[in-house]
Amino acid sequence: MSAEAVGRYMPSVVTLDDLTAMMSADAHHRYEISPEGVLSIMPPPGYAHAIIATRLMVWLAQGGIPADRIAQAVGLRIPGRHGGVGGRIPDLVVWSKAQSDAVWLPVTDVLLAVEIVSPGSEGVDTVTKRNEYAAAGIPQYWMVDQDPAQTITMNRLDGDSYTVRATMPLAWVLNATPADHDLD
């Protein structure tokens, strides 16, 4: 089913159950919703995007983080300031402990959320999600640019907002260990 066909049957208020149904019906798009109810429809990640996520996932696993605490493209329930609940799908998530089998997981045990910035998602990844993840209390948020150096901006929660802890090429990160970045 196309995004156009899904849009014809769009409810006035979209829930996480609605997002799940939309993604089941449309394998060609990724659906997310902000806690305020703003719907985002994106194409699936491309090959270069997927390779960056895979390289980070392998690095984390080789660095000693158990495989059941790392996942790509898993839905997170993002609580809103006014009682709303959003659903975001970071490119990579690291938890402090294994999670239950659910479509939309709570952010309670999230240590790190990673977004690989794609053309067209810059504003959402660098501003909107950064603010939402900080408000949700996620301790670290990394943004990976798809520039030639695949630059990672590592943000650490400081109160209720993030401060930039480091900005460096992906290759530099991969030559360190996850413990060097407080991920153990």
N, C-alpha and C. Protein backbone atom coordinates (compact mmCIF):
# COMPACT_ATOMS: atom_id res chain seq x y z
N MET A 1 0.85 -1.18 0.00
CA MET A 1 0.00 0.00 0.00
C MET A 1 0.89 1.23 0.00
N SER A 2 0.53 2.23 -0.76
CA SER A 2 1.33 3.44 -0.85
C SER A 2 1.02 4.38 0.31
N ALA A 3 1.91 5.36 0.52
CA ALA A 3 1.68 6.37 1.55
C ALA A 3 0.42 7.16 1.23
N GLU A 4 0.15 7.37 -0.05
CA GLU A 4 -1.07 8.10 -0.45
C GLU A 4 -2.32 7.34 -0.02
N ALA A 5 -2.32 6.03 -0.22
CA ALA A 5 -3.47 5.22 0.17
C ALA A 5 -3.63 5.20 1.68
N VAL A 6 -2.52 5.12 2.40
CA VAL A 6 -2.58 5.15 3.86
C VAL A 6 -3.16 6.49 4.31
N GLY A 7 -2.75 7.58 3.67
CA GLY A 7 -3.21 8.91 4.04
C GLY A 7 -4.71 9.10 3.92
N ARG A 8 -5.35 8.41 2.98
CA ARG A 8 -6.80 8.52 2.82
C ARG A 8 -7.55 8.04 4.05
N TYR A 9 -6.96 7.11 4.78
CA TYR A 9 -7.62 6.53 5.94
C TYR A 9 -7.01 7.01 7.26
N MET A 10 -6.31 8.12 7.21
CA MET A 10 -5.61 8.66 8.37
C MET A 10 -6.60 9.11 9.44
N PRO A 11 -6.43 8.63 10.68
CA PRO A 11 -7.30 9.11 11.76
C PRO A 11 -6.93 10.55 12.13
N SER A 12 -7.83 11.25 12.79
CA SER A 12 -7.56 12.65 13.15
C SER A 12 -6.48 12.75 14.22
N VAL A 13 -6.39 11.77 15.11
CA VAL A 13 -5.33 11.70 16.11
C VAL A 13 -4.62 10.37 15.91
N VAL A 14 -3.35 10.42 15.58
CA VAL A 14 -2.58 9.21 15.30
C VAL A 14 -1.96 8.69 16.59
N THR A 15 -2.16 7.41 16.86
CA THR A 15 -1.58 6.76 18.05
C THR A 15 -0.41 5.88 17.64
N LEU A 16 0.29 5.34 18.62
CA LEU A 16 1.38 4.42 18.31
C LEU A 16 0.85 3.14 17.67
N ASP A 17 -0.35 2.72 18.03
CA ASP A 17 -0.97 1.56 17.37
C ASP A 17 -1.23 1.88 15.90
N ASP A 18 -1.67 3.11 15.62
CA ASP A 18 -1.87 3.52 14.23
C ASP A 18 -0.55 3.49 13.45
N LEU A 19 0.52 3.99 14.08
CA LEU A 19 1.83 3.97 13.42
C LEU A 19 2.25 2.55 13.09
N THR A 20 2.04 1.65 14.04
CA THR A 20 2.40 0.24 13.83
C THR A 20 1.63 -0.32 12.65
N ALA A 21 0.33 -0.04 12.56
CA ALA A 21 -0.49 -0.53 11.45
C ALA A 21 -0.03 0.08 10.13
N MET A 22 0.32 1.37 10.14
CA MET A 22 0.77 2.03 8.93
C MET A 22 2.07 1.42 8.42
N MET A 23 3.00 1.13 9.35
CA MET A 23 4.27 0.55 8.93
C MET A 23 4.07 -0.88 8.43
N SER A 24 3.12 -1.60 9.01
CA SER A 24 2.83 -2.96 8.54
C SER A 24 2.26 -2.95 7.13
N ALA A 25 1.47 -1.91 6.83
CA ALA A 25 0.82 -1.82 5.52
C ALA A 25 1.70 -1.20 4.45
N ASP A 26 2.77 -0.52 4.86
CA ASP A 26 3.59 0.23 3.91
C ASP A 26 5.07 0.00 4.20
N ALA A 27 5.65 -0.97 3.55
CA ALA A 27 7.06 -1.31 3.79
C ALA A 27 8.03 -0.33 3.16
N HIS A 28 7.52 0.66 2.42
CA HIS A 28 8.39 1.59 1.72
C HIS A 28 8.64 2.90 2.46
N HIS A 29 8.08 3.02 3.68
CA HIS A 29 8.25 4.24 4.46
C HIS A 29 8.41 3.91 5.93
N ARG A 30 9.03 4.84 6.64
CA ARG A 30 9.15 4.76 8.09
C ARG A 30 8.28 5.87 8.66
N TYR A 31 7.48 5.53 9.64
CA TYR A 31 6.55 6.48 10.25
C TYR A 31 6.96 6.76 11.69
N GLU A 32 6.97 8.05 12.05
CA GLU A 32 7.24 8.47 13.41
C GLU A 32 6.25 9.58 13.76
N ILE A 33 6.07 9.79 15.06
CA ILE A 33 5.19 10.87 15.50
C ILE A 33 5.80 11.53 16.73
N SER A 34 5.75 12.85 16.75
CA SER A 34 6.26 13.60 17.89
C SER A 34 5.25 13.50 19.03
N PRO A 35 5.67 13.78 20.27
CA PRO A 35 4.71 13.77 21.38
C PRO A 35 3.57 14.78 21.18
N GLU A 36 3.79 15.79 20.35
CA GLU A 36 2.75 16.79 20.07
C GLU A 36 1.83 16.35 18.93
N GLY A 37 2.10 15.20 18.31
CA GLY A 37 1.23 14.68 17.27
C GLY A 37 1.65 14.98 15.85
N VAL A 38 2.87 15.45 15.64
CA VAL A 38 3.35 15.75 14.29
C VAL A 38 3.86 14.46 13.65
N LEU A 39 3.24 14.07 12.56
CA LEU A 39 3.59 12.85 11.86
C LEU A 39 4.73 13.09 10.88
N SER A 40 5.72 12.19 10.88
CA SER A 40 6.82 12.23 9.91
C SER A 40 6.78 10.94 9.10
N ILE A 41 6.88 11.07 7.79
CA ILE A 41 6.91 9.92 6.90
C ILE A 41 8.20 10.02 6.10
N MET A 42 9.04 8.99 6.23
CA MET A 42 10.35 9.01 5.59
C MET A 42 10.56 7.73 4.78
N PRO A 43 11.36 7.81 3.74
CA PRO A 43 11.72 6.57 3.04
C PRO A 43 12.64 5.74 3.93
N PRO A 44 12.76 4.45 3.66
CA PRO A 44 13.68 3.64 4.45
C PRO A 44 15.12 4.11 4.22
N PRO A 45 16.01 3.82 5.16
CA PRO A 45 17.40 4.25 5.01
C PRO A 45 18.06 3.62 3.78
N GLY A 46 19.02 4.34 3.21
CA GLY A 46 19.79 3.83 2.08
C GLY A 46 20.95 2.97 2.56
N TYR A 47 21.70 2.45 1.60
CA TYR A 47 22.81 1.54 1.89
C TYR A 47 23.88 2.20 2.76
N ALA A 48 24.33 3.40 2.41
CA ALA A 48 25.38 4.07 3.19
C ALA A 48 24.93 4.29 4.63
N HIS A 49 23.70 4.67 4.80
CA HIS A 49 23.09 4.86 6.12
C HIS A 49 23.14 3.56 6.91
N ALA A 50 22.73 2.47 6.27
CA ALA A 50 22.70 1.16 6.94
C ALA A 50 24.10 0.69 7.31
N ILE A 51 25.09 0.97 6.47
CA ILE A 51 26.46 0.55 6.76
C ILE A 51 27.00 1.29 7.99
N ILE A 52 26.70 2.57 8.12
CA ILE A 52 27.13 3.32 9.31
C ILE A 52 26.53 2.70 10.56
N ALA A 53 25.24 2.40 10.53
CA ALA A 53 24.57 1.79 11.69
C ALA A 53 25.18 0.42 12.00
N THR A 54 25.46 -0.36 10.97
CA THR A 54 26.06 -1.68 11.17
C THR A 54 27.46 -1.57 11.76
N ARG A 55 28.27 -0.65 11.25
CA ARG A 55 29.63 -0.48 11.78
C ARG A 55 29.59 -0.11 13.27
N LEU A 56 28.68 0.79 13.63
CA LEU A 56 28.56 1.17 15.04
C LEU A 56 28.06 -0.01 15.89
N MET A 57 27.12 -0.76 15.37
CA MET A 57 26.59 -1.90 16.12
C MET A 57 27.67 -2.96 16.35
N VAL A 58 28.43 -3.27 15.32
CA VAL A 58 29.52 -4.25 15.45
C VAL A 58 30.56 -3.74 16.45
N TRP A 59 30.92 -2.46 16.37
CA TRP A 59 31.88 -1.86 17.29
C TRP A 59 31.40 -1.98 18.73
N LEU A 60 30.14 -1.68 18.97
CA LEU A 60 29.58 -1.79 20.32
C LEU A 60 29.63 -3.23 20.82
N ALA A 61 29.24 -4.19 19.96
CA ALA A 61 29.26 -5.60 20.35
C ALA A 61 30.68 -6.09 20.61
N GLN A 62 31.62 -5.72 19.74
CA GLN A 62 33.02 -6.12 19.95
C GLN A 62 33.61 -5.45 21.18
N GLY A 63 33.05 -4.33 21.57
CA GLY A 63 33.51 -3.60 22.76
C GLY A 63 32.92 -4.13 24.05
N GLY A 64 32.13 -5.19 23.96
CA GLY A 64 31.63 -5.84 25.17
C GLY A 64 30.19 -5.56 25.54
N ILE A 65 29.50 -4.78 24.76
CA ILE A 65 28.08 -4.55 25.06
C ILE A 65 27.30 -5.75 24.53
N PRO A 66 26.54 -6.42 25.40
CA PRO A 66 25.79 -7.61 24.97
C PRO A 66 24.82 -7.31 23.83
N ALA A 67 24.69 -8.25 22.92
CA ALA A 67 23.85 -8.07 21.74
C ALA A 67 22.39 -7.79 22.10
N ASP A 68 21.91 -8.28 23.24
CA ASP A 68 20.52 -8.04 23.61
C ASP A 68 20.30 -6.65 24.21
N ARG A 69 21.36 -5.83 24.22
CA ARG A 69 21.24 -4.45 24.70
C ARG A 69 21.48 -3.43 23.58
N ILE A 70 21.62 -3.92 22.33
CA ILE A 70 21.86 -3.06 21.17
C ILE A 70 20.83 -3.42 20.11
N ALA A 71 20.21 -2.41 19.51
CA ALA A 71 19.26 -2.71 18.44
C ALA A 71 19.23 -1.58 17.42
N GLN A 72 18.98 -1.95 16.18
CA GLN A 72 18.80 -0.97 15.11
C GLN A 72 17.31 -0.78 14.85
N ALA A 73 16.91 0.46 14.61
CA ALA A 73 15.57 0.80 14.15
C ALA A 73 14.45 0.20 14.99
N VAL A 74 14.53 0.40 16.31
CA VAL A 74 13.49 -0.06 17.23
C VAL A 74 12.71 1.16 17.71
N GLY A 75 11.40 1.02 17.83
CA GLY A 75 10.55 2.12 18.25
C GLY A 75 10.68 2.45 19.73
N LEU A 76 10.75 3.74 20.03
CA LEU A 76 10.78 4.22 21.41
C LEU A 76 9.54 5.06 21.68
N ARG A 77 8.95 4.86 22.85
CA ARG A 77 7.84 5.70 23.32
C ARG A 77 8.46 6.96 23.91
N ILE A 78 8.17 8.10 23.31
CA ILE A 78 8.73 9.36 23.77
C ILE A 78 7.65 10.15 24.50
N PRO A 79 7.78 10.26 25.83
CA PRO A 79 6.76 11.00 26.58
C PRO A 79 6.84 12.49 26.26
N GLY A 80 5.67 13.12 26.20
CA GLY A 80 5.61 14.55 25.92
C GLY A 80 5.43 15.36 27.18
N ARG A 81 5.66 16.63 27.08
CA ARG A 81 5.55 17.53 28.22
C ARG A 81 4.11 17.70 28.70
N HIS A 82 3.15 17.52 27.81
CA HIS A 82 1.76 17.75 28.15
C HIS A 82 0.95 16.46 28.13
N GLY A 83 1.59 15.34 28.45
CA GLY A 83 0.90 14.07 28.53
C GLY A 83 0.81 13.27 27.25
N GLY A 84 1.20 13.86 26.13
CA GLY A 84 1.18 13.13 24.87
C GLY A 84 2.31 12.12 24.81
N VAL A 85 2.18 11.18 23.90
CA VAL A 85 3.23 10.17 23.71
C VAL A 85 3.55 10.11 22.23
N GLY A 86 4.84 10.22 21.93
CA GLY A 86 5.29 10.11 20.55
C GLY A 86 5.99 8.79 20.33
N GLY A 87 6.28 8.52 19.09
CA GLY A 87 7.01 7.31 18.73
C GLY A 87 8.14 7.67 17.78
N ARG A 88 9.36 7.45 18.21
CA ARG A 88 10.54 7.70 17.37
C ARG A 88 11.27 6.38 17.15
N ILE A 89 11.95 6.30 16.01
CA ILE A 89 12.71 5.10 15.67
C ILE A 89 14.15 5.50 15.42
N PRO A 90 14.97 5.56 16.49
CA PRO A 90 16.38 5.89 16.29
C PRO A 90 17.05 4.83 15.43
N ASP A 91 18.13 5.21 14.77
CA ASP A 91 18.85 4.25 13.94
C ASP A 91 19.56 3.19 14.77
N LEU A 92 19.93 3.54 15.98
CA LEU A 92 20.60 2.60 16.88
C LEU A 92 20.29 3.01 18.31
N VAL A 93 20.06 2.00 19.17
CA VAL A 93 19.78 2.25 20.58
C VAL A 93 20.62 1.29 21.42
N VAL A 94 21.16 1.81 22.53
CA VAL A 94 21.86 0.98 23.51
C VAL A 94 21.12 1.12 24.83
N TRP A 95 20.80 -0.03 25.44
CA TRP A 95 20.10 -0.05 26.73
C TRP A 95 21.02 -0.52 27.84
N SER A 96 20.65 -0.21 29.09
CA SER A 96 21.39 -0.68 30.25
C SER A 96 21.06 -2.13 30.57
N LYS A 97 19.94 -2.63 30.07
CA LYS A 97 19.55 -4.03 30.25
C LYS A 97 18.67 -4.46 29.09
N ALA A 98 18.53 -5.77 28.92
CA ALA A 98 17.70 -6.30 27.84
C ALA A 98 16.26 -5.82 28.01
N GLN A 99 15.55 -5.71 26.88
CA GLN A 99 14.18 -5.20 26.88
C GLN A 99 13.17 -6.31 26.55
N SER A 100 11.92 -6.03 26.83
CA SER A 100 10.85 -6.96 26.48
C SER A 100 10.59 -6.88 24.98
N ASP A 101 9.85 -7.84 24.49
CA ASP A 101 9.51 -7.87 23.06
C ASP A 101 8.26 -7.03 22.84
N ALA A 102 8.45 -5.79 22.47
CA ALA A 102 7.34 -4.88 22.20
C ALA A 102 7.69 -4.01 21.00
N VAL A 103 6.71 -3.44 20.36
CA VAL A 103 6.96 -2.59 19.20
C VAL A 103 7.48 -1.23 19.64
N TRP A 104 6.88 -0.65 20.69
CA TRP A 104 7.27 0.68 21.17
C TRP A 104 7.78 0.54 22.59
N LEU A 105 9.09 0.65 22.77
CA LEU A 105 9.73 0.44 24.07
C LEU A 105 9.85 1.75 24.85
N PRO A 106 9.82 1.67 26.18
CA PRO A 106 10.01 2.88 27.00
C PRO A 106 11.46 3.33 26.94
N VAL A 107 11.70 4.60 27.25
CA VAL A 107 13.05 5.15 27.21
C VAL A 107 13.79 4.98 28.54
N THR A 108 13.13 4.39 29.52
CA THR A 108 13.67 4.29 30.87
C THR A 108 15.10 3.77 30.93
N ASP A 109 15.41 2.72 30.22
CA ASP A 109 16.72 2.08 30.30
C ASP A 109 17.65 2.44 29.15
N VAL A 110 17.28 3.40 28.32
CA VAL A 110 18.12 3.79 27.19
C VAL A 110 19.34 4.54 27.69
N LEU A 111 20.52 4.09 27.25
CA LEU A 111 21.78 4.78 27.55
C LEU A 111 22.18 5.72 26.42
N LEU A 112 21.88 5.30 25.19
CA LEU A 112 22.33 6.04 24.00
C LEU A 112 21.33 5.85 22.87
N ALA A 113 20.98 6.94 22.22
CA ALA A 113 20.21 6.90 20.97
C ALA A 113 21.10 7.52 19.89
N VAL A 114 21.14 6.88 18.72
CA VAL A 114 21.95 7.36 17.60
C VAL A 114 21.05 7.60 16.41
N GLU A 115 21.20 8.76 15.80
CA GLU A 115 20.51 9.07 14.55
C GLU A 115 21.56 9.35 13.49
N ILE A 116 21.41 8.72 12.34
CA ILE A 116 22.27 8.98 11.20
C ILE A 116 21.51 9.97 10.34
N VAL A 117 22.07 11.15 10.20
CA VAL A 117 21.38 12.26 9.54
C VAL A 117 21.35 12.02 8.03
N SER A 118 20.14 11.96 7.52
CA SER A 118 19.94 11.76 6.08
C SER A 118 19.55 13.07 5.44
N PRO A 119 19.80 13.21 4.13
CA PRO A 119 19.34 14.42 3.45
C PRO A 119 17.83 14.56 3.64
N GLY A 120 17.42 15.71 4.08
CA GLY A 120 16.00 15.96 4.33
C GLY A 120 15.58 15.78 5.77
N SER A 121 16.41 15.11 6.59
CA SER A 121 16.04 14.90 8.00
C SER A 121 16.90 15.73 8.95
N GLU A 122 17.70 16.63 8.40
CA GLU A 122 18.64 17.38 9.23
C GLU A 122 17.95 18.11 10.39
N GLY A 123 16.90 18.84 10.09
CA GLY A 123 16.22 19.61 11.13
C GLY A 123 15.60 18.74 12.20
N VAL A 124 14.96 17.66 11.78
CA VAL A 124 14.33 16.75 12.76
C VAL A 124 15.40 16.09 13.62
N ASP A 125 16.48 15.61 13.01
CA ASP A 125 17.52 14.90 13.77
C ASP A 125 18.34 15.81 14.67
N THR A 126 18.66 17.01 14.18
CA THR A 126 19.57 17.88 14.93
C THR A 126 18.88 18.81 15.92
N VAL A 127 17.58 19.03 15.74
CA VAL A 127 16.86 19.93 16.65
C VAL A 127 15.71 19.20 17.35
N THR A 128 14.75 18.73 16.58
CA THR A 128 13.53 18.16 17.16
C THR A 128 13.82 16.93 18.02
N LYS A 129 14.48 15.93 17.43
CA LYS A 129 14.75 14.71 18.19
C LYS A 129 15.73 14.98 19.33
N ARG A 130 16.68 15.85 19.09
CA ARG A 130 17.63 16.22 20.15
C ARG A 130 16.86 16.74 21.37
N ASN A 131 15.90 17.62 21.16
CA ASN A 131 15.10 18.17 22.25
C ASN A 131 14.19 17.11 22.88
N GLU A 132 13.56 16.28 22.04
CA GLU A 132 12.68 15.24 22.57
C GLU A 132 13.45 14.22 23.40
N TYR A 133 14.60 13.77 22.90
CA TYR A 133 15.38 12.78 23.63
C TYR A 133 15.90 13.36 24.94
N ALA A 134 16.29 14.62 24.94
CA ALA A 134 16.75 15.26 26.18
C ALA A 134 15.61 15.34 27.19
N ALA A 135 14.44 15.78 26.73
CA ALA A 135 13.28 15.88 27.62
C ALA A 135 12.88 14.51 28.16
N ALA A 136 13.12 13.45 27.39
CA ALA A 136 12.81 12.09 27.82
C ALA A 136 13.86 11.52 28.77
N GLY A 137 14.99 12.23 28.93
CA GLY A 137 16.03 11.80 29.86
C GLY A 137 17.02 10.80 29.31
N ILE A 138 17.14 10.69 28.00
CA ILE A 138 18.13 9.78 27.41
C ILE A 138 19.51 10.39 27.64
N PRO A 139 20.41 9.67 28.36
CA PRO A 139 21.69 10.25 28.77
C PRO A 139 22.62 10.70 27.65
N GLN A 140 22.63 9.96 26.51
CA GLN A 140 23.50 10.34 25.41
C GLN A 140 22.75 10.26 24.09
N TYR A 141 23.04 11.23 23.22
CA TYR A 141 22.45 11.27 21.89
C TYR A 141 23.56 11.59 20.91
N TRP A 142 23.80 10.67 19.97
CA TRP A 142 24.82 10.87 18.95
C TRP A 142 24.13 11.09 17.60
N MET A 143 24.65 12.07 16.86
CA MET A 143 24.19 12.33 15.50
C MET A 143 25.36 12.07 14.56
N VAL A 144 25.14 11.27 13.54
CA VAL A 144 26.19 10.94 12.59
C VAL A 144 25.84 11.57 11.25
N ASP A 145 26.69 12.48 10.78
CA ASP A 145 26.50 13.09 9.46
C ASP A 145 26.99 12.13 8.39
N GLN A 146 26.40 12.22 7.23
CA GLN A 146 26.86 11.40 6.11
C GLN A 146 27.81 12.19 5.22
N ASP A 147 28.65 13.01 5.86
CA ASP A 147 29.69 13.73 5.14
C ASP A 147 30.86 12.76 4.91
N PRO A 148 31.89 13.16 4.17
CA PRO A 148 33.00 12.23 3.89
C PRO A 148 33.64 11.64 5.16
N ALA A 149 33.71 12.39 6.25
CA ALA A 149 34.32 11.88 7.49
C ALA A 149 33.31 11.12 8.35
N GLN A 150 32.05 11.13 7.96
CA GLN A 150 30.98 10.55 8.78
C GLN A 150 31.12 11.06 10.22
N THR A 151 31.04 12.37 10.35
CA THR A 151 31.27 13.06 11.61
C THR A 151 30.19 12.74 12.63
N ILE A 152 30.63 12.35 13.82
CA ILE A 152 29.72 12.07 14.93
C ILE A 152 29.76 13.24 15.89
N THR A 153 28.58 13.74 16.23
CA THR A 153 28.45 14.74 17.30
C THR A 153 27.86 14.00 18.49
N MET A 154 28.64 13.93 19.56
CA MET A 154 28.23 13.21 20.77
C MET A 154 27.69 14.21 21.79
N ASN A 155 26.42 14.05 22.11
CA ASN A 155 25.76 14.92 23.07
C ASN A 155 25.55 14.16 24.38
N ARG A 156 25.75 14.86 25.48
CA ARG A 156 25.53 14.28 26.81
C ARG A 156 24.49 15.14 27.52
N LEU A 157 23.56 14.46 28.21
CA LEU A 157 22.52 15.16 28.94
C LEU A 157 23.13 15.94 30.10
N ASP A 158 22.78 17.21 30.17
CA ASP A 158 23.25 18.10 31.22
C ASP A 158 22.01 18.83 31.73
N GLY A 159 21.42 18.31 32.80
CA GLY A 159 20.15 18.86 33.27
C GLY A 159 19.04 18.38 32.37
N ASP A 160 18.35 19.32 31.72
CA ASP A 160 17.26 18.94 30.83
C ASP A 160 17.57 19.20 29.36
N SER A 161 18.84 19.42 29.05
CA SER A 161 19.24 19.61 27.65
C SER A 161 20.61 18.96 27.42
N TYR A 162 20.97 18.84 26.16
CA TYR A 162 22.25 18.23 25.80
C TYR A 162 23.32 19.29 25.64
N THR A 163 24.54 18.89 25.99
CA THR A 163 25.71 19.67 25.63
C THR A 163 26.58 18.79 24.75
N VAL A 164 27.26 19.40 23.80
CA VAL A 164 28.14 18.65 22.92
C VAL A 164 29.38 18.24 23.71
N ARG A 165 29.60 16.94 23.79
CA ARG A 165 30.77 16.41 24.48
C ARG A 165 31.96 16.27 23.56
N ALA A 166 31.69 15.88 22.31
CA ALA A 166 32.77 15.71 21.33
C ALA A 166 32.18 15.67 19.93
N THR A 167 33.00 16.05 18.97
CA THR A 167 32.67 15.92 17.55
C THR A 167 33.91 15.35 16.89
N MET A 168 33.74 14.21 16.22
CA MET A 168 34.90 13.54 15.61
C MET A 168 34.46 12.62 14.48
N PRO A 169 35.39 12.26 13.60
CA PRO A 169 35.08 11.33 12.52
C PRO A 169 34.75 9.94 13.09
N LEU A 170 33.89 9.23 12.40
CA LEU A 170 33.52 7.88 12.80
C LEU A 170 34.75 6.99 12.97
N ALA A 171 35.73 7.11 12.10
CA ALA A 171 36.94 6.28 12.20
C ALA A 171 37.63 6.45 13.54
N TRP A 172 37.64 7.66 14.08
CA TRP A 172 38.26 7.89 15.39
C TRP A 172 37.49 7.16 16.48
N VAL A 173 36.17 7.21 16.40
CA VAL A 173 35.34 6.52 17.39
C VAL A 173 35.61 5.02 17.33
N LEU A 174 35.65 4.49 16.11
CA LEU A 174 35.83 3.04 15.95
C LEU A 174 37.22 2.56 16.38
N ASN A 175 38.18 3.48 16.52
CA ASN A 175 39.51 3.11 17.01
C ASN A 175 39.62 3.21 18.53
N ALA A 176 38.56 3.59 19.20
CA ALA A 176 38.51 3.62 20.66
C ALA A 176 37.64 2.44 21.11
N THR A 177 37.25 2.43 22.35
CA THR A 177 36.33 1.40 22.84
C THR A 177 35.07 2.09 23.35
N PRO A 178 33.96 1.36 23.39
CA PRO A 178 32.73 1.96 23.94
C PRO A 178 32.93 2.49 25.36
N ALA A 179 33.78 1.84 26.15
CA ALA A 179 34.05 2.31 27.51
C ALA A 179 34.69 3.71 27.50
N ASP A 180 35.46 4.02 26.45
CA ASP A 180 36.07 5.35 26.34
C ASP A 180 35.01 6.44 26.18
N HIS A 181 33.78 6.02 25.81
CA HIS A 181 32.69 6.98 25.60
C HIS A 181 31.57 6.76 26.62
N ASP A 182 31.93 6.17 27.76
CA ASP A 182 31.00 5.95 28.88
C ASP A 182 29.79 5.11 28.49
N LEU A 183 30.02 4.05 27.73
CA LEU A 183 28.91 3.17 27.32
C LEU A 183 28.98 1.79 27.94
N ASP A 184 29.73 1.61 28.99
CA ASP A 184 29.79 0.27 29.60
C ASP A 184 28.85 0.14 30.74
